[in-house]
Each structure stands twice: as C-alpha cells, then as structure tokens.
Amino acid sequence: MKQVEVYTDGACSGNPGPGGWGAVLRYRFNGKVYEKELSGGDDSTTNNRMELTAFIEALRQLKEPCEVRLCSDSQYVINGLQKGWAKGWQRRGWKKSDGSPALNPDLWAQALEQEARHKITYVWVKGHAGHPENERCDQLAVAQSKAHGGRQGT
C-alpha cells in the first residue's frame, strides 16, 4: 500500500460566510517527493464544512487504497472520524446521541466513504502555530475564502 501524507485546513470569513479549503498531498517514491496542492471555496458556508471538504477532496485524489497520515487542525474532523462519532450519527439516521440532528450529514457521508477506502492515521496539529504544511493549507484556504467574497480567513 502506498503511503501518503495529507494536510488539510478550512477557513471562513464569518460563520456562515464565504469560505475556502486547502490541502497538500505528499507522496515519496524512490527518493523523490511528489506534492500536490488543492483548494476550493464556497460563497456561503461554515468553517466546519470547509474543513470536511478539504479532507474529502484530498482523499478523492487517491486513485487506489493508501496508508494515509492525515494532519489537520480541525478537532471536528479528527474526532468525528477517529472517535467514530460520524459512524454513530449515520447509524442513528444522522442524529447525535442526545437525539439532536448531526450537522453536515451530506459531507460526513462522503467523508465516511473516503475513509472506508484507506487506512488512515489521524494527527491533530495546532493551527496557526508554525506547522509549515498547516500554514500552507491555511494560505490556500484563506485565498479561496477571499476569492469567494470574504475579507479575512480564520
């Protein structure tokens, strides 16, 4: 199985508001490093939707099952997948354990589809703390947020 590093981030100007996401994929083979940057955005979204979209779109780039080391500053994404929260919400018809509706079921369903294809190790990184790949993803996400009408990113 190929080993791929994936870094993701989302940004939103207002919550909801214009937002963006960014991702960096890194694959090492025969002493060479291959990198791909991705980004996108939406005119009206939330930060959590952008964080999830970054994860989904990054994994969609992988054409075969891989061992993925996912680094994100989003506890929403990391906990939702690593701790099995999203699977529980899905089992309960997109309801949380207290019966309230789970937010973003459309994206969580896509995230679970992508997760099922790969062996993923989740790594939470502190945002805005100088982590080079996280900072790059933030730059990509903020640029997309601005391109979609935002004044600043978070």
C-alpha atoms as a PDB file:
ATOM      1  CA  MET A   1       0.000   0.000   0.000  1.00  0.00           C
ATOM      2  CA  LYS A   2       1.323   3.440  -0.925  1.00  0.00           C
ATOM      3  CA  GLN A   3       1.934   5.845   1.941  1.00  0.00           C
ATOM      4  CA  VAL A   4       0.642   9.376   1.521  1.00  0.00           C
ATOM      5  CA  GLU A   5       0.764  12.390   3.823  1.00  0.00           C
ATOM      6  CA  VAL A   6      -2.297  14.643   3.659  1.00  0.00           C
ATOM      7  CA  TYR A   7      -2.559  18.078   5.256  1.00  0.00           C
ATOM      8  CA  THR A   8      -5.854  19.977   5.280  1.00  0.00           C
ATOM      9  CA  ASP A   9      -7.389  23.209   6.510  1.00  0.00           C
ATOM     10  CA  GLY A  10     -10.540  25.253   6.122  1.00  0.00           C
ATOM     11  CA  ALA A  11     -11.272  28.951   6.541  1.00  0.00           C
ATOM     12  CA  CYS A  12     -14.383  31.063   6.670  1.00  0.00           C
ATOM     13  CA  SER A  13     -14.985  34.821   6.768  1.00  0.00           C
ATOM     14  CA  GLY A  14     -17.959  34.891   9.069  1.00  0.00           C
ATOM     15  CA  ASN A  15     -19.548  31.636  10.106  1.00  0.00           C
ATOM     16  CA  PRO A  16     -21.520  31.237   7.908  1.00  0.00           C
ATOM     17  CA  GLY A  17     -19.958  33.280   5.147  1.00  0.00           C
ATOM     18  CA  PRO A  18     -17.552  32.973   2.228  1.00  0.00           C
ATOM     19  CA  GLY A  19     -15.127  30.158   2.848  1.00  0.00           C
ATOM     20  CA  GLY A  20     -12.267  28.180   1.434  1.00  0.00           C
ATOM     21  CA  TRP A  21     -10.339  24.972   1.937  1.00  0.00           C
ATOM     22  CA  GLY A  22      -6.809  23.882   1.153  1.00  0.00           C
ATOM     23  CA  ALA A  23      -4.958  20.586   1.052  1.00  0.00           C
ATOM     24  CA  VAL A  24      -1.427  19.393   0.442  1.00  0.00           C
ATOM     25  CA  LEU A  25      -0.768  15.772  -0.537  1.00  0.00           C
ATOM     26  CA  ARG A  26       2.748  14.357  -0.337  1.00  0.00           C
ATOM     27  CA  TYR A  27       3.974  11.031  -1.680  1.00  0.00           C
ATOM     28  CA  ARG A  28       7.546   9.752  -1.504  1.00  0.00           C
ATOM     29  CA  PHE A  29       8.832   7.202  -4.015  1.00  0.00           C
ATOM     30  CA  ASN A  30      12.370   6.123  -4.921  1.00  0.00           C
ATOM     31  CA  GLY A  31      13.933   9.023  -3.079  1.00  0.00           C
ATOM     32  CA  LYS A  32      11.712  11.610  -4.746  1.00  0.00           C
ATOM     33  CA  VAL A  33       8.980  13.681  -3.135  1.00  0.00           C
ATOM     34  CA  TYR A  34       5.815  14.419  -5.080  1.00  0.00           C
ATOM     35  CA  GLU A  35       3.445  17.111  -3.845  1.00  0.00           C
ATOM     36  CA  LYS A  36       0.065  18.301  -4.989  1.00  0.00           C
ATOM     37  CA  GLU A  37      -1.828  21.334  -3.689  1.00  0.00           C
ATOM     38  CA  LEU A  38      -5.602  21.645  -3.934  1.00  0.00           C
ATOM     39  CA  SER A  39      -8.039  24.339  -2.925  1.00  0.00           C
ATOM     40  CA  GLY A  40     -11.611  25.450  -3.422  1.00  0.00           C
ATOM     41  CA  GLY A  41     -14.291  27.508  -1.811  1.00  0.00           C
ATOM     42  CA  ASP A  42     -17.920  28.473  -1.474  1.00  0.00           C
ATOM     43  CA  ASP A  43     -19.773  31.773  -1.314  1.00  0.00           C
ATOM     44  CA  SER A  44     -21.833  30.774   1.729  1.00  0.00           C
ATOM     45  CA  THR A  45     -20.563  28.063   4.044  1.00  0.00           C
ATOM     46  CA  THR A  46     -19.179  27.345   7.511  1.00  0.00           C
ATOM     47  CA  ASN A  47     -15.676  26.650   8.742  1.00  0.00           C
ATOM     48  CA  ASN A  48     -16.586  23.057   9.622  1.00  0.00           C
ATOM     49  CA  ARG A  49     -17.948  22.447   6.121  1.00  0.00           C
ATOM     50  CA  MET A  50     -14.695  23.717   4.643  1.00  0.00           C
ATOM     51  CA  GLU A  51     -12.624  21.527   6.988  1.00  0.00           C
ATOM     52  CA  LEU A  52     -14.623  18.456   5.934  1.00  0.00           C
ATOM     53  CA  THR A  53     -14.470  19.378   2.256  1.00  0.00           C
ATOM     54  CA  ALA A  54     -10.672  19.640   2.407  1.00  0.00           C
ATOM     55  CA  PHE A  55     -10.482  16.095   3.822  1.00  0.00           C
ATOM     56  CA  ILE A  56     -12.927  14.707   1.225  1.00  0.00           C
ATOM     57  CA  GLU A  57     -11.339  16.395  -1.790  1.00  0.00           C
ATOM     58  CA  ALA A  58      -7.820  15.410  -0.736  1.00  0.00           C
ATOM     59  CA  LEU A  59      -8.721  11.733  -0.409  1.00  0.00           C
ATOM     60  CA  ARG A  60     -10.637  11.802  -3.699  1.00  0.00           C
ATOM     61  CA  GLN A  61      -7.277  12.429  -5.400  1.00  0.00           C
ATOM     62  CA  LEU A  62      -6.025   8.992  -4.352  1.00  0.00           C
ATOM     63  CA  LYS A  63      -6.720   6.514  -7.145  1.00  0.00           C
ATOM     64  CA  GLU A  64      -6.151   3.405  -5.027  1.00  0.00           C
ATOM     65  CA  PRO A  65      -6.328   2.455  -1.344  1.00  0.00           C
ATOM     66  CA  CYS A  66      -3.436   4.015   0.567  1.00  0.00           C
ATOM     67  CA  GLU A  67      -1.983   4.335   4.033  1.00  0.00           C
ATOM     68  CA  VAL A  68      -2.770   7.950   4.808  1.00  0.00           C
ATOM     69  CA  ARG A  69      -1.298  10.128   7.529  1.00  0.00           C
ATOM     70  CA  LEU A  70      -3.892  12.891   7.830  1.00  0.00           C
ATOM     71  CA  CYS A  71      -2.772  16.051   9.606  1.00  0.00           C
ATOM     72  CA  SER A  72      -5.476  18.605  10.401  1.00  0.00           C
ATOM     73  CA  ASP A  73      -6.065  21.365  12.915  1.00  0.00           C
ATOM     74  CA  SER A  74      -9.776  20.512  12.925  1.00  0.00           C
ATOM     75  CA  GLN A  75     -10.827  18.600  16.014  1.00  0.00           C
ATOM     76  CA  TYR A  76     -14.273  18.417  14.381  1.00  0.00           C
ATOM     77  CA  VAL A  77     -12.888  16.303  11.514  1.00  0.00           C
ATOM     78  CA  ILE A  78     -10.368  14.323  13.567  1.00  0.00           C
ATOM     79  CA  ASN A  79     -12.768  13.453  16.382  1.00  0.00           C
ATOM     80  CA  GLY A  80     -15.710  12.841  14.072  1.00  0.00           C
ATOM     81  CA  LEU A  81     -13.750  10.169  12.224  1.00  0.00           C
ATOM     82  CA  GLN A  82     -11.139   8.833  14.648  1.00  0.00           C
ATOM     83  CA  LYS A  83     -13.540   8.530  17.584  1.00  0.00           C
ATOM     84  CA  GLY A  84     -16.301   7.078  15.398  1.00  0.00           C
ATOM     85  CA  TRP A  85     -18.764   9.901  16.066  1.00  0.00           C
ATOM     86  CA  ALA A  86     -19.772  10.168  12.394  1.00  0.00           C
ATOM     87  CA  LYS A  87     -20.398   6.435  12.134  1.00  0.00           C
ATOM     88  CA  GLY A  88     -22.663   6.671  15.182  1.00  0.00           C
ATOM     89  CA  TRP A  89     -24.535   9.638  13.734  1.00  0.00           C
ATOM     90  CA  GLN A  90     -25.009   7.736  10.495  1.00  0.00           C
ATOM     91  CA  ARG A  91     -26.289   4.611  12.319  1.00  0.00           C
ATOM     92  CA  ARG A  92     -28.822   6.767  14.162  1.00  0.00           C
ATOM     93  CA  GLY A  93     -30.093   8.398  10.962  1.00  0.00           C
ATOM     94  CA  TRP A  94     -27.780  11.432  11.334  1.00  0.00           C
ATOM     95  CA  LYS A  95     -28.770  12.092  14.919  1.00  0.00           C
ATOM     96  CA  LYS A  96     -26.365  12.698  17.791  1.00  0.00           C
ATOM     97  CA  SER A  97     -26.558  10.579  20.922  1.00  0.00           C
ATOM     98  CA  ASP A  98     -28.829  13.204  22.527  1.00  0.00           C
ATOM     99  CA  GLY A  99     -31.251  12.945  19.579  1.00  0.00           C
ATOM    100  CA  SER A 100     -30.394  16.334  18.080  1.00  0.00           C
ATOM    101  CA  PRO A 101     -29.557  16.434  14.369  1.00  0.00           C
ATOM    102  CA  ALA A 102     -25.935  15.941  13.355  1.00  0.00           C
ATOM    103  CA  LEU A 103     -24.717  18.859  11.257  1.00  0.00           C
ATOM    104  CA  ASN A 104     -23.363  18.406   7.730  1.00  0.00           C
ATOM    105  CA  PRO A 105     -24.627  14.846   7.126  1.00  0.00           C
ATOM    106  CA  ASP A 106     -24.062  15.255   3.378  1.00  0.00           C
ATOM    107  CA  LEU A 107     -20.351  15.829   3.927  1.00  0.00           C
ATOM    108  CA  TRP A 108     -19.971  13.288   6.729  1.00  0.00           C
ATOM    109  CA  ALA A 109     -21.430  10.612   4.427  1.00  0.00           C
ATOM    110  CA  GLN A 110     -18.808  11.476   1.791  1.00  0.00           C
ATOM    111  CA  ALA A 111     -16.062  11.556   4.419  1.00  0.00           C
ATOM    112  CA  LEU A 112     -17.026   8.086   5.638  1.00  0.00           C
ATOM    113  CA  GLU A 113     -16.970   6.784   2.047  1.00  0.00           C
ATOM    114  CA  GLN A 114     -13.452   8.117   1.589  1.00  0.00           C
ATOM    115  CA  GLU A 115     -12.324   6.856   4.993  1.00  0.00           C
ATOM    116  CA  ALA A 116     -13.501   3.329   4.149  1.00  0.00           C
ATOM    117  CA  ARG A 117     -11.154   3.204   1.141  1.00  0.00           C
ATOM    118  CA  HIS A 118      -7.967   3.869   3.085  1.00  0.00           C
ATOM    119  CA  LYS A 119      -6.032   3.050   6.227  1.00  0.00           C
ATOM    120  CA  ILE A 120      -5.852   6.424   7.968  1.00  0.00           C
ATOM    121  CA  THR A 121      -3.781   7.630  10.886  1.00  0.00           C
ATOM    122  CA  TYR A 122      -5.202  10.878  12.255  1.00  0.00           C
ATOM    123  CA  VAL A 123      -2.853  13.556  13.583  1.00  0.00           C
ATOM    124  CA  TRP A 124      -4.176  16.741  15.150  1.00  0.00           C
ATOM    125  CA  VAL A 125      -1.880  19.741  14.733  1.00  0.00           C
ATOM    126  CA  LYS A 126      -2.316  23.067  16.499  1.00  0.00           C
ATOM    127  CA  GLY A 127      -3.476  25.678  13.995  1.00  0.00           C
ATOM    128  CA  HIS A 128      -1.564  28.922  13.463  1.00  0.00           C
ATOM    129  CA  ALA A 129       1.407  27.508  15.375  1.00  0.00           C
ATOM    130  CA  GLY A 130       4.049  27.478  12.659  1.00  0.00           C
ATOM    131  CA  HIS A 131       3.442  23.971  11.271  1.00  0.00           C
ATOM    132  CA  PRO A 132       4.650  24.544   7.648  1.00  0.00           C
ATOM    133  CA  GLU A 133       2.116  22.349   5.845  1.00  0.00           C
ATOM    134  CA  ASN A 134      -0.765  23.533   8.013  1.00  0.00           C
ATOM    135  CA  GLU A 135       0.251  27.127   7.371  1.00  0.00           C
ATOM    136  CA  ARG A 136       0.340  26.444   3.620  1.00  0.00           C
ATOM    137  CA  CYS A 137      -3.132  24.872   3.736  1.00  0.00           C
ATOM    138  CA  ASP A 138      -4.348  27.902   5.679  1.00  0.00           C
ATOM    139  CA  GLN A 139      -2.929  30.226   2.993  1.00  0.00           C
ATOM    140  CA  LEU A 140      -4.726  28.250   0.276  1.00  0.00           C
ATOM    141  CA  ALA A 141      -7.985  28.239   2.252  1.00  0.00           C
ATOM    142  CA  VAL A 142      -7.866  31.954   3.099  1.00  0.00           C
ATOM    143  CA  ALA A 143      -7.120  32.844  -0.539  1.00  0.00           C
ATOM    144  CA  GLN A 144     -10.191  30.885  -1.628  1.00  0.00           C
ATOM    145  CA  SER A 145     -12.306  32.472   1.095  1.00  0.00           C
ATOM    146  CA  LYS A 146     -11.263  35.910  -0.177  1.00  0.00           C
ATOM    147  CA  ALA A 147     -11.914  34.869  -3.786  1.00  0.00           C
ATOM    148  CA  HIS A 148     -15.460  33.944  -2.757  1.00  0.00           C
ATOM    149  CA  GLY A 149     -16.114  37.331  -1.189  1.00  0.00           C
ATOM    150  CA  GLY A 150     -14.525  37.038   2.238  1.00  0.00           C
ATOM    151  CA  ARG A 151     -12.424  39.758   3.824  1.00  0.00           C
ATOM    152  CA  GLN A 152     -10.310  37.541   6.037  1.00  0.00           C
ATOM    153  CA  GLY A 153      -9.887  33.893   6.947  1.00  0.00           C
ATOM    154  CA  THR A 154      -9.865  32.054  10.233  1.00  0.00           C
END
